[in-house]
Each structure stands twice: as structure tokens, then as C-alpha cells.
Amino acid sequence: MKTWRAAVALVGTLASGSAMADGNKLLDYCQAAIRFNDTKQVNEEVSIGYCLGLMQGVRSLIVYTNTGIPIEKQTCLPLSGISNGQTARVVVKYLKENPEQLHQDEGILTLLALKDAFPCKG
């Protein structure tokens, strides 16, 4: 239970930097990060940094919280690792496939996207 409280607190902290931005902003920011990864042209530095920073924070959160919850509730990121840019692609795909969820908090959406993409096999 303490682990979940810490997870919720960390996600809240990550998201509070933009006054609880939603999935619409996250989609815009992460699409900018993907454009940068593909072209190496920098036009939207703040958006790129925000997206990639959130990806790193949520991935770290997953590693931390996985130790305290049952396997069926864990997110199993690839053992070979996943970069912030790859994580952004997973999140953008999830957001485009689930537009009805764009009103939700961006940290929660990132967690949901990664859980959907990398469920643990119990």
C-alpha cells in the first residue's frame, strides 16, 4: 500500500509542473519529441524536454513500484531497455487509439500506455 501511495504522489508531482496537463498536451508534446528524434531539428525545445522528462520519470516510477505489487498489476518493461523516445512512441500510439481518455492526467495516461504495451505475464 505504501508503494502505491508513493506512486500516486510521484505521478502527481510529475504532472503538477503544468497544472495537471491532460492527454491533449501530452500528445502534442510527445509528437514534437518524435519529430525531433526522426529529424534532429529542434523547434519545440520545451515540449520535447517535457515529454522526454515525463517518460523518464514514469519509467523510473514503474521500476520502483513493481517491487511492491502483485505480478498481475506490474508493468514489465523490456529487459533490453526502452529509451525515452521509444516510450514517447508507445504513449502517442496509445493516445491516438484511445482519444476518449485524453481528458485524463498525463502521468496516469503514460502509466496506462506502458501497462497496455508491456503487461506482465503472471
C-alpha atoms as a PDB file:
ATOM      1  CA  MET A   1       0.000   0.000   0.000  1.00  0.00           C
ATOM      2  CA  LYS A   2       2.864   2.368   0.790  1.00  0.00           C
ATOM      3  CA  THR A   3       4.279   1.746  -2.675  1.00  0.00           C
ATOM      4  CA  TRP A   4       1.005   2.733  -4.332  1.00  0.00           C
ATOM      5  CA  ARG A   5       0.803   5.896  -2.243  1.00  0.00           C
ATOM      6  CA  ALA A   6       4.328   6.780  -3.286  1.00  0.00           C
ATOM      7  CA  ALA A   7       3.432   6.077  -6.918  1.00  0.00           C
ATOM      8  CA  VAL A   8       0.377   8.310  -6.797  1.00  0.00           C
ATOM      9  CA  ALA A   9       2.385  11.049  -5.101  1.00  0.00           C
ATOM     10  CA  LEU A  10       5.168  10.833  -7.699  1.00  0.00           C
ATOM     11  CA  VAL A  11       2.755  10.903 -10.624  1.00  0.00           C
ATOM     12  CA  GLY A  12       1.054  13.917  -9.064  1.00  0.00           C
ATOM     13  CA  THR A  13       4.393  15.632  -8.668  1.00  0.00           C
ATOM     14  CA  LEU A  14       5.386  14.860 -12.259  1.00  0.00           C
ATOM     15  CA  ALA A  15       2.133  16.213 -13.598  1.00  0.00           C
ATOM     16  CA  SER A  16       1.867  19.273 -11.377  1.00  0.00           C
ATOM     17  CA  GLY A  17       4.545  21.132 -13.322  1.00  0.00           C
ATOM     18  CA  SER A  18       1.985  22.011 -15.961  1.00  0.00           C
ATOM     19  CA  ALA A  19      -1.033  22.459 -13.705  1.00  0.00           C
ATOM     20  CA  MET A  20      -2.223  18.921 -14.302  1.00  0.00           C
ATOM     21  CA  ALA A  21      -1.922  18.895 -18.077  1.00  0.00           C
ATOM     22  CA  ASP A  22      -4.037  16.396 -19.912  1.00  0.00           C
ATOM     23  CA  GLY A  23      -3.589  13.894 -22.705  1.00  0.00           C
ATOM     24  CA  ASN A  24      -4.101  16.517 -25.391  1.00  0.00           C
ATOM     25  CA  LYS A  25      -0.984  18.398 -24.316  1.00  0.00           C
ATOM     26  CA  LEU A  26       0.904  15.153 -23.785  1.00  0.00           C
ATOM     27  CA  LEU A  27       0.049  14.076 -27.322  1.00  0.00           C
ATOM     28  CA  ASP A  28       1.299  17.389 -28.725  1.00  0.00           C
ATOM     29  CA  TYR A  29       4.479  17.354 -26.632  1.00  0.00           C
ATOM     30  CA  CYS A  30       5.360  13.756 -27.444  1.00  0.00           C
ATOM     31  CA  GLN A  31       4.652  14.198 -31.147  1.00  0.00           C
ATOM     32  CA  ALA A  32       7.183  17.043 -31.035  1.00  0.00           C
ATOM     33  CA  ALA A  33       9.682  14.702 -29.349  1.00  0.00           C
ATOM     34  CA  ILE A  34       9.133  12.056 -32.035  1.00  0.00           C
ATOM     35  CA  ARG A  35       9.626  14.661 -34.786  1.00  0.00           C
ATOM     36  CA  PHE A  36      12.892  15.645 -33.115  1.00  0.00           C
ATOM     37  CA  ASN A  37      14.024  12.004 -32.864  1.00  0.00           C
ATOM     38  CA  ASP A  38      13.239  11.484 -36.547  1.00  0.00           C
ATOM     39  CA  THR A  39      14.658  14.723 -37.979  1.00  0.00           C
ATOM     40  CA  LYS A  40      17.029  16.088 -35.301  1.00  0.00           C
ATOM     41  CA  GLN A  41      15.512  19.520 -35.988  1.00  0.00           C
ATOM     42  CA  VAL A  42      14.775  21.422 -32.812  1.00  0.00           C
ATOM     43  CA  ASN A  43      11.727  23.674 -32.966  1.00  0.00           C
ATOM     44  CA  GLU A  44       9.908  22.980 -29.727  1.00  0.00           C
ATOM     45  CA  GLU A  45      12.558  22.535 -27.040  1.00  0.00           C
ATOM     46  CA  VAL A  46      10.255  22.884 -24.040  1.00  0.00           C
ATOM     47  CA  SER A  47       7.702  20.428 -25.427  1.00  0.00           C
ATOM     48  CA  ILE A  48      10.399  17.892 -26.290  1.00  0.00           C
ATOM     49  CA  GLY A  49      12.054  18.179 -22.893  1.00  0.00           C
ATOM     50  CA  TYR A  50       8.750  17.965 -21.076  1.00  0.00           C
ATOM     51  CA  CYS A  51       7.682  14.798 -22.893  1.00  0.00           C
ATOM     52  CA  LEU A  52      11.027  13.018 -22.576  1.00  0.00           C
ATOM     53  CA  GLY A  53      11.367  14.038 -18.925  1.00  0.00           C
ATOM     54  CA  LEU A  54       7.921  12.674 -18.142  1.00  0.00           C
ATOM     55  CA  MET A  55       8.766   9.424 -19.947  1.00  0.00           C
ATOM     56  CA  GLN A  56      11.907   9.006 -17.817  1.00  0.00           C
ATOM     57  CA  GLY A  57      10.055   9.813 -14.616  1.00  0.00           C
ATOM     58  CA  VAL A  58       7.246   7.357 -15.263  1.00  0.00           C
ATOM     59  CA  ARG A  59       9.654   4.588 -16.303  1.00  0.00           C
ATOM     60  CA  SER A  60      11.581   5.121 -13.063  1.00  0.00           C
ATOM     61  CA  LEU A  61       8.320   5.047 -11.151  1.00  0.00           C
ATOM     62  CA  ILE A  62       7.414   1.701 -12.725  1.00  0.00           C
ATOM     63  CA  VAL A  63      10.747   0.161 -11.737  1.00  0.00           C
ATOM     64  CA  TYR A  64      10.267   1.400  -8.175  1.00  0.00           C
ATOM     65  CA  THR A  65       6.637   0.366  -7.746  1.00  0.00           C
ATOM     66  CA  ASN A  66       6.931  -3.055  -9.388  1.00  0.00           C
ATOM     67  CA  THR A  67       8.753  -4.344  -6.310  1.00  0.00           C
ATOM     68  CA  GLY A  68       5.767  -3.825  -4.054  1.00  0.00           C
ATOM     69  CA  ILE A  69       2.766  -5.017  -6.072  1.00  0.00           C
ATOM     70  CA  PRO A  70       1.466  -8.365  -7.347  1.00  0.00           C
ATOM     71  CA  ILE A  71       2.810  -9.510 -10.739  1.00  0.00           C
ATOM     72  CA  GLU A  72      -0.567  -9.142 -12.467  1.00  0.00           C
ATOM     73  CA  LYS A  73      -0.592  -5.421 -11.633  1.00  0.00           C
ATOM     74  CA  GLN A  74       3.008  -4.784 -12.669  1.00  0.00           C
ATOM     75  CA  THR A  75       4.294  -3.324 -15.911  1.00  0.00           C
ATOM     76  CA  CYS A  76       7.122  -5.367 -17.412  1.00  0.00           C
ATOM     77  CA  LEU A  77       9.310  -3.058 -19.462  1.00  0.00           C
ATOM     78  CA  PRO A  78      11.625  -4.882 -21.903  1.00  0.00           C
ATOM     79  CA  LEU A  79      14.736  -6.311 -20.260  1.00  0.00           C
ATOM     80  CA  SER A  80      16.825  -4.839 -23.059  1.00  0.00           C
ATOM     81  CA  GLY A  81      15.539  -1.430 -22.032  1.00  0.00           C
ATOM     82  CA  ILE A  82      13.402   1.165 -23.706  1.00  0.00           C
ATOM     83  CA  SER A  83      14.514   4.701 -24.469  1.00  0.00           C
ATOM     84  CA  ASN A  84      12.551   7.834 -23.678  1.00  0.00           C
ATOM     85  CA  GLY A  85      11.958   8.276 -27.410  1.00  0.00           C
ATOM     86  CA  GLN A  86      10.565   4.748 -27.751  1.00  0.00           C
ATOM     87  CA  THR A  87       8.395   5.338 -24.701  1.00  0.00           C
ATOM     88  CA  ALA A  88       7.034   8.513 -26.317  1.00  0.00           C
ATOM     89  CA  ARG A  89       6.090   6.493 -29.412  1.00  0.00           C
ATOM     90  CA  VAL A  90       4.224   3.959 -27.248  1.00  0.00           C
ATOM     91  CA  VAL A  91       2.367   6.765 -25.479  1.00  0.00           C
ATOM     92  CA  VAL A  92       1.440   8.573 -28.719  1.00  0.00           C
ATOM     93  CA  LYS A  93       0.124   5.317 -30.195  1.00  0.00           C
ATOM     94  CA  TYR A  94      -1.959   4.679 -27.081  1.00  0.00           C
ATOM     95  CA  LEU A  95      -3.360   8.216 -27.030  1.00  0.00           C
ATOM     96  CA  LYS A  96      -4.328   8.079 -30.706  1.00  0.00           C
ATOM     97  CA  GLU A  97      -6.051   4.720 -30.169  1.00  0.00           C
ATOM     98  CA  ASN A  98      -7.859   5.931 -27.016  1.00  0.00           C
ATOM     99  CA  PRO A  99      -8.965   9.528 -27.688  1.00  0.00           C
ATOM    100  CA  GLU A 100     -11.781   9.204 -25.149  1.00  0.00           C
ATOM    101  CA  GLN A 101      -9.129   9.211 -22.420  1.00  0.00           C
ATOM    102  CA  LEU A 102      -7.390  12.447 -23.440  1.00  0.00           C
ATOM    103  CA  HIS A 103      -9.070  14.364 -20.618  1.00  0.00           C
ATOM    104  CA  GLN A 104      -7.100  12.369 -18.031  1.00  0.00           C
ATOM    105  CA  ASP A 105      -3.865  13.323 -16.304  1.00  0.00           C
ATOM    106  CA  GLU A 106      -0.760  12.871 -18.435  1.00  0.00           C
ATOM    107  CA  GLY A 107       1.161  10.856 -15.838  1.00  0.00           C
ATOM    108  CA  ILE A 108      -1.704   8.414 -15.466  1.00  0.00           C
ATOM    109  CA  LEU A 109      -2.042   8.154 -19.251  1.00  0.00           C
ATOM    110  CA  THR A 110       1.655   7.370 -19.574  1.00  0.00           C
ATOM    111  CA  LEU A 111       1.336   4.624 -16.960  1.00  0.00           C
ATOM    112  CA  LEU A 112      -1.730   3.205 -18.728  1.00  0.00           C
ATOM    113  CA  ALA A 113       0.011   3.245 -22.102  1.00  0.00           C
ATOM    114  CA  LEU A 114       3.035   1.379 -20.774  1.00  0.00           C
ATOM    115  CA  LYS A 115       0.892  -1.101 -18.846  1.00  0.00           C
ATOM    116  CA  ASP A 116      -1.080  -1.761 -22.028  1.00  0.00           C
ATOM    117  CA  ALA A 117       2.071  -2.205 -24.125  1.00  0.00           C
ATOM    118  CA  PHE A 118       4.081  -4.217 -21.603  1.00  0.00           C
ATOM    119  CA  PRO A 119       1.806  -6.285 -19.348  1.00  0.00           C
ATOM    120  CA  CYS A 120       3.439  -8.827 -17.088  1.00  0.00           C
ATOM    121  CA  LYS A 121       2.633 -12.451 -17.654  1.00  0.00           C
ATOM    122  CA  GLY A 122       1.569 -13.963 -14.324  1.00  0.00           C
END
